Amino acid sequence: MATKQRTTTAAACADDCPVRKTAHIIDGKWTTLIVRDLLPGKKRYYELLDSLHGISPKMLATRLRFLEERGIIAKEIFPTIPPKTEYRLTPLGKKLQKVIVAMGEFGAKL
């Protein structure tokens, strides 16, 4: 019986499964924390780096690029010296607010 249930679950979680696609986006602690920090509005790279204690500059750049490629955040570069870069959630990224709030409520009960 356990084998049949495992097969059903695996079939239900194919590549086009909405839960699987969301899990791929929010995988890892840094991604959800970046989204959390952008919920109130735009932030510059160094503001994110300061608020995400323990993240390396390389990891932050990697996660920001990942989120930008998937349409979760948008990056705006201002032609100043030195260049100013701001990040914000896209309308798609803002839809993660309910997920982040639910995670916070769950975490508060642990």
N, C-alpha and C. Protein backbone atom coordinates (compact mmCIF):
# COMPACT_ATOMS: atom_id res chain seq x y z
N MET A 1 0.81 -1.19 0.00
CA MET A 1 0.00 0.00 0.00
C MET A 1 0.86 1.26 0.00
N ALA A 2 1.96 1.24 0.75
CA ALA A 2 2.85 2.40 0.80
C ALA A 2 3.44 2.69 -0.57
N THR A 3 3.74 1.65 -1.34
CA THR A 3 4.30 1.83 -2.67
C THR A 3 3.30 2.53 -3.58
N LYS A 4 2.05 2.14 -3.52
CA LYS A 4 1.02 2.76 -4.34
C LYS A 4 0.88 4.24 -3.98
N GLN A 5 0.89 4.57 -2.69
CA GLN A 5 0.76 5.95 -2.26
C GLN A 5 1.96 6.78 -2.74
N ARG A 6 3.15 6.22 -2.66
CA ARG A 6 4.35 6.92 -3.10
C ARG A 6 4.27 7.21 -4.59
N THR A 7 3.81 6.27 -5.39
CA THR A 7 3.66 6.45 -6.82
C THR A 7 2.66 7.55 -7.12
N THR A 8 1.54 7.57 -6.41
CA THR A 8 0.52 8.59 -6.61
C THR A 8 1.07 9.97 -6.27
N THR A 9 1.81 10.08 -5.17
CA THR A 9 2.39 11.35 -4.78
C THR A 9 3.41 11.82 -5.80
N ALA A 10 4.24 10.93 -6.29
CA ALA A 10 5.26 11.29 -7.28
C ALA A 10 4.59 11.76 -8.56
N ALA A 11 3.54 11.09 -8.98
CA ALA A 11 2.83 11.48 -10.19
C ALA A 11 2.16 12.84 -10.01
N ALA A 12 1.68 13.11 -8.81
CA ALA A 12 1.00 14.38 -8.55
C ALA A 12 1.99 15.55 -8.51
N CYS A 13 3.26 15.26 -8.32
CA CYS A 13 4.26 16.33 -8.20
C CYS A 13 5.21 16.31 -9.40
N ALA A 14 4.64 16.34 -10.58
CA ALA A 14 5.43 16.40 -11.81
C ALA A 14 6.06 17.78 -11.94
N ASP A 15 6.86 17.97 -12.96
CA ASP A 15 7.56 19.25 -13.16
C ASP A 15 6.62 20.45 -13.26
N ASP A 16 5.40 20.23 -13.75
CA ASP A 16 4.46 21.35 -13.89
C ASP A 16 3.59 21.54 -12.64
N CYS A 17 3.88 20.83 -11.57
CA CYS A 17 3.14 20.96 -10.32
C CYS A 17 3.35 22.36 -9.75
N PRO A 18 2.29 23.11 -9.46
CA PRO A 18 2.43 24.47 -8.93
C PRO A 18 3.21 24.53 -7.61
N VAL A 19 3.03 23.55 -6.74
CA VAL A 19 3.76 23.55 -5.47
C VAL A 19 5.25 23.34 -5.73
N ARG A 20 5.57 22.44 -6.62
CA ARG A 20 6.99 22.20 -6.96
C ARG A 20 7.63 23.44 -7.56
N LYS A 21 6.91 24.12 -8.47
CA LYS A 21 7.45 25.33 -9.09
C LYS A 21 7.68 26.43 -8.05
N THR A 22 6.76 26.58 -7.11
CA THR A 22 6.93 27.58 -6.05
C THR A 22 8.08 27.21 -5.13
N ALA A 23 8.17 25.94 -4.77
CA ALA A 23 9.26 25.48 -3.90
C ALA A 23 10.60 25.73 -4.55
N HIS A 24 10.68 25.58 -5.86
CA HIS A 24 11.94 25.84 -6.58
C HIS A 24 12.33 27.31 -6.45
N ILE A 25 11.36 28.20 -6.50
CA ILE A 25 11.64 29.64 -6.39
C ILE A 25 12.06 30.02 -4.98
N ILE A 26 11.34 29.56 -3.97
CA ILE A 26 11.61 30.00 -2.60
C ILE A 26 12.55 29.07 -1.84
N ASP A 27 13.18 28.17 -2.54
CA ASP A 27 14.12 27.23 -1.92
C ASP A 27 15.25 27.97 -1.24
N GLY A 28 15.57 27.58 -0.04
CA GLY A 28 16.69 28.16 0.68
C GLY A 28 16.29 29.37 1.51
N LYS A 29 17.02 29.59 2.58
CA LYS A 29 16.64 30.65 3.51
C LYS A 29 16.85 32.04 2.93
N TRP A 30 17.84 32.24 2.08
CA TRP A 30 18.13 33.59 1.61
C TRP A 30 17.06 34.12 0.69
N THR A 31 16.51 33.29 -0.17
CA THR A 31 15.51 33.76 -1.12
C THR A 31 14.29 34.30 -0.40
N THR A 32 13.78 33.56 0.57
CA THR A 32 12.59 34.03 1.28
C THR A 32 12.90 35.28 2.09
N LEU A 33 14.11 35.38 2.63
CA LEU A 33 14.46 36.58 3.41
C LEU A 33 14.65 37.80 2.50
N ILE A 34 15.15 37.59 1.30
CA ILE A 34 15.26 38.70 0.34
C ILE A 34 13.86 39.20 -0.01
N VAL A 35 12.97 38.28 -0.32
CA VAL A 35 11.58 38.67 -0.64
C VAL A 35 10.97 39.41 0.55
N ARG A 36 11.16 38.87 1.75
CA ARG A 36 10.64 39.52 2.97
C ARG A 36 11.14 40.96 3.08
N ASP A 37 12.43 41.15 2.84
CA ASP A 37 13.01 42.49 2.97
C ASP A 37 12.55 43.45 1.88
N LEU A 38 12.10 42.93 0.75
CA LEU A 38 11.62 43.78 -0.33
C LEU A 38 10.12 44.04 -0.27
N LEU A 39 9.41 43.36 0.62
CA LEU A 39 7.96 43.57 0.72
C LEU A 39 7.58 45.03 1.00
N PRO A 40 8.30 45.74 1.89
CA PRO A 40 7.93 47.13 2.14
C PRO A 40 8.23 48.08 0.98
N GLY A 41 9.14 47.71 0.08
CA GLY A 41 9.47 48.58 -1.05
C GLY A 41 10.90 48.38 -1.52
N LYS A 42 11.35 49.31 -2.35
CA LYS A 42 12.67 49.23 -2.98
C LYS A 42 13.79 49.25 -1.95
N LYS A 43 14.86 48.54 -2.29
CA LYS A 43 16.08 48.56 -1.47
C LYS A 43 17.28 48.51 -2.39
N ARG A 44 18.34 49.12 -1.92
CA ARG A 44 19.61 49.05 -2.64
C ARG A 44 20.35 47.79 -2.23
N TYR A 45 21.32 47.41 -3.05
CA TYR A 45 22.09 46.19 -2.80
C TYR A 45 22.68 46.18 -1.39
N TYR A 46 23.32 47.28 -1.00
CA TYR A 46 23.97 47.31 0.31
C TYR A 46 22.97 47.33 1.47
N GLU A 47 21.77 47.84 1.24
CA GLU A 47 20.73 47.77 2.28
C GLU A 47 20.34 46.31 2.51
N LEU A 48 20.22 45.56 1.43
CA LEU A 48 19.91 44.14 1.56
C LEU A 48 21.06 43.39 2.22
N LEU A 49 22.26 43.70 1.83
CA LEU A 49 23.44 43.04 2.41
C LEU A 49 23.50 43.30 3.91
N ASP A 50 23.19 44.52 4.34
CA ASP A 50 23.20 44.86 5.77
C ASP A 50 22.08 44.17 6.54
N SER A 51 20.92 44.02 5.92
CA SER A 51 19.78 43.44 6.64
C SER A 51 19.82 41.92 6.70
N LEU A 52 20.55 41.29 5.81
CA LEU A 52 20.62 39.83 5.74
C LEU A 52 21.91 39.36 6.41
N HIS A 53 21.90 39.34 7.72
CA HIS A 53 23.10 38.98 8.49
C HIS A 53 23.58 37.58 8.14
N GLY A 54 24.85 37.50 7.71
CA GLY A 54 25.45 36.21 7.40
C GLY A 54 25.52 35.88 5.93
N ILE A 55 24.82 36.63 5.09
CA ILE A 55 24.88 36.34 3.65
C ILE A 55 26.16 36.95 3.08
N SER A 56 26.79 36.24 2.17
CA SER A 56 27.99 36.77 1.52
C SER A 56 27.56 37.63 0.33
N PRO A 57 28.38 38.58 -0.06
CA PRO A 57 28.05 39.39 -1.24
C PRO A 57 27.82 38.54 -2.49
N LYS A 58 28.62 37.48 -2.64
CA LYS A 58 28.46 36.59 -3.80
C LYS A 58 27.11 35.88 -3.77
N MET A 59 26.71 35.38 -2.61
CA MET A 59 25.41 34.69 -2.49
C MET A 59 24.26 35.66 -2.74
N LEU A 60 24.36 36.87 -2.21
CA LEU A 60 23.30 37.85 -2.45
C LEU A 60 23.18 38.15 -3.94
N ALA A 61 24.29 38.37 -4.60
CA ALA A 61 24.26 38.64 -6.04
C ALA A 61 23.67 37.47 -6.82
N THR A 62 24.02 36.26 -6.42
CA THR A 62 23.50 35.05 -7.08
C THR A 62 21.99 34.94 -6.90
N ARG A 63 21.51 35.14 -5.67
CA ARG A 63 20.07 35.02 -5.40
C ARG A 63 19.29 36.14 -6.08
N LEU A 64 19.83 37.35 -6.08
CA LEU A 64 19.14 38.46 -6.76
C LEU A 64 19.03 38.18 -8.26
N ARG A 65 20.10 37.68 -8.86
CA ARG A 65 20.07 37.34 -10.29
C ARG A 65 19.04 36.24 -10.56
N PHE A 66 19.01 35.22 -9.70
CA PHE A 66 18.04 34.12 -9.83
C PHE A 66 16.61 34.67 -9.80
N LEU A 67 16.32 35.52 -8.82
CA LEU A 67 14.98 36.07 -8.68
C LEU A 67 14.62 37.00 -9.84
N GLU A 68 15.59 37.74 -10.33
CA GLU A 68 15.35 38.62 -11.47
C GLU A 68 15.06 37.80 -12.73
N GLU A 69 15.81 36.74 -12.95
CA GLU A 69 15.61 35.88 -14.13
C GLU A 69 14.23 35.24 -14.13
N ARG A 70 13.66 35.02 -12.97
CA ARG A 70 12.35 34.39 -12.86
C ARG A 70 11.20 35.38 -12.73
N GLY A 71 11.51 36.66 -12.84
CA GLY A 71 10.47 37.68 -12.83
C GLY A 71 9.91 38.00 -11.45
N ILE A 72 10.62 37.63 -10.40
CA ILE A 72 10.17 37.89 -9.03
C ILE A 72 10.57 39.28 -8.58
N ILE A 73 11.76 39.72 -8.98
CA ILE A 73 12.21 41.07 -8.66
C ILE A 73 12.64 41.78 -9.93
N ALA A 74 12.70 43.10 -9.84
CA ALA A 74 13.21 43.92 -10.94
C ALA A 74 14.37 44.74 -10.41
N LYS A 75 15.33 44.97 -11.26
CA LYS A 75 16.52 45.75 -10.91
C LYS A 75 16.53 47.01 -11.75
N GLU A 76 16.78 48.13 -11.09
CA GLU A 76 16.90 49.40 -11.80
C GLU A 76 18.28 49.98 -11.49
N ILE A 77 19.02 50.29 -12.55
CA ILE A 77 20.35 50.86 -12.42
C ILE A 77 20.29 52.33 -12.82
N PHE A 78 20.73 53.19 -11.92
CA PHE A 78 20.74 54.63 -12.18
C PHE A 78 22.13 55.04 -12.65
N PRO A 79 22.20 55.85 -13.71
CA PRO A 79 23.51 56.24 -14.27
C PRO A 79 24.19 57.35 -13.46
N THR A 80 24.57 57.00 -12.26
CA THR A 80 25.29 57.94 -11.40
C THR A 80 26.69 57.41 -11.16
N ILE A 81 27.52 58.22 -10.54
CA ILE A 81 28.87 57.77 -10.18
C ILE A 81 28.97 57.84 -8.67
N PRO A 82 29.14 56.73 -7.98
CA PRO A 82 29.10 55.36 -8.51
C PRO A 82 27.67 54.97 -8.87
N PRO A 83 27.51 53.95 -9.71
CA PRO A 83 26.16 53.53 -10.11
C PRO A 83 25.31 53.15 -8.90
N LYS A 84 24.05 53.52 -8.96
CA LYS A 84 23.09 53.19 -7.90
C LYS A 84 22.15 52.13 -8.46
N THR A 85 21.98 51.05 -7.72
CA THR A 85 21.10 49.96 -8.14
C THR A 85 20.04 49.74 -7.09
N GLU A 86 18.79 49.67 -7.51
CA GLU A 86 17.68 49.38 -6.60
C GLU A 86 16.97 48.12 -7.06
N TYR A 87 16.46 47.38 -6.09
CA TYR A 87 15.70 46.17 -6.35
C TYR A 87 14.31 46.34 -5.77
N ARG A 88 13.32 45.80 -6.48
CA ARG A 88 11.94 45.84 -5.99
C ARG A 88 11.24 44.58 -6.44
N LEU A 89 10.18 44.24 -5.75
CA LEU A 89 9.36 43.10 -6.15
C LEU A 89 8.53 43.48 -7.36
N THR A 90 8.38 42.56 -8.27
CA THR A 90 7.46 42.73 -9.40
C THR A 90 6.06 42.38 -8.91
N PRO A 91 5.03 42.62 -9.71
CA PRO A 91 3.69 42.18 -9.31
C PRO A 91 3.65 40.67 -9.00
N LEU A 92 4.39 39.87 -9.76
CA LEU A 92 4.46 38.43 -9.47
C LEU A 92 5.13 38.20 -8.13
N GLY A 93 6.22 38.91 -7.86
CA GLY A 93 6.92 38.77 -6.59
C GLY A 93 6.07 39.16 -5.41
N LYS A 94 5.24 40.18 -5.58
CA LYS A 94 4.35 40.63 -4.49
C LYS A 94 3.34 39.56 -4.11
N LYS A 95 3.06 38.65 -5.02
CA LYS A 95 2.13 37.56 -4.72
C LYS A 95 2.70 36.58 -3.70
N LEU A 96 4.00 36.65 -3.47
CA LEU A 96 4.63 35.80 -2.45
C LEU A 96 4.40 36.33 -1.03
N GLN A 97 3.80 37.51 -0.91
CA GLN A 97 3.58 38.09 0.42
C GLN A 97 2.79 37.15 1.32
N LYS A 98 1.73 36.55 0.82
CA LYS A 98 0.92 35.64 1.63
C LYS A 98 1.74 34.44 2.10
N VAL A 99 2.62 33.96 1.24
CA VAL A 99 3.47 32.82 1.59
C VAL A 99 4.43 33.23 2.71
N ILE A 100 5.06 34.40 2.57
CA ILE A 100 6.02 34.87 3.57
C ILE A 100 5.32 35.14 4.90
N VAL A 101 4.15 35.75 4.87
CA VAL A 101 3.38 36.00 6.09
C VAL A 101 3.01 34.68 6.76
N ALA A 102 2.57 33.71 5.97
CA ALA A 102 2.21 32.40 6.54
C ALA A 102 3.43 31.73 7.17
N MET A 103 4.59 31.86 6.54
CA MET A 103 5.82 31.29 7.09
C MET A 103 6.15 31.97 8.43
N GLY A 104 5.97 33.28 8.50
CA GLY A 104 6.23 34.01 9.73
C GLY A 104 5.29 33.58 10.84
N GLU A 105 4.02 33.42 10.52
CA GLU A 105 3.05 32.99 11.53
C GLU A 105 3.35 31.58 12.01
N PHE A 106 3.72 30.72 11.10
CA PHE A 106 4.07 29.35 11.48
C PHE A 106 5.32 29.34 12.37
N GLY A 107 6.34 30.10 11.95
CA GLY A 107 7.59 30.17 12.70
C GLY A 107 7.40 30.74 14.09
N ALA A 108 6.46 31.63 14.26
CA ALA A 108 6.20 32.22 15.57
C ALA A 108 5.63 31.21 16.54
N LYS A 109 5.06 30.13 16.01
CA LYS A 109 4.44 29.11 16.87
C LYS A 109 5.42 27.99 17.23
N LEU A 110 6.61 28.03 16.66
CA LEU A 110 7.60 26.97 16.94
C LEU A 110 8.32 27.22 18.24
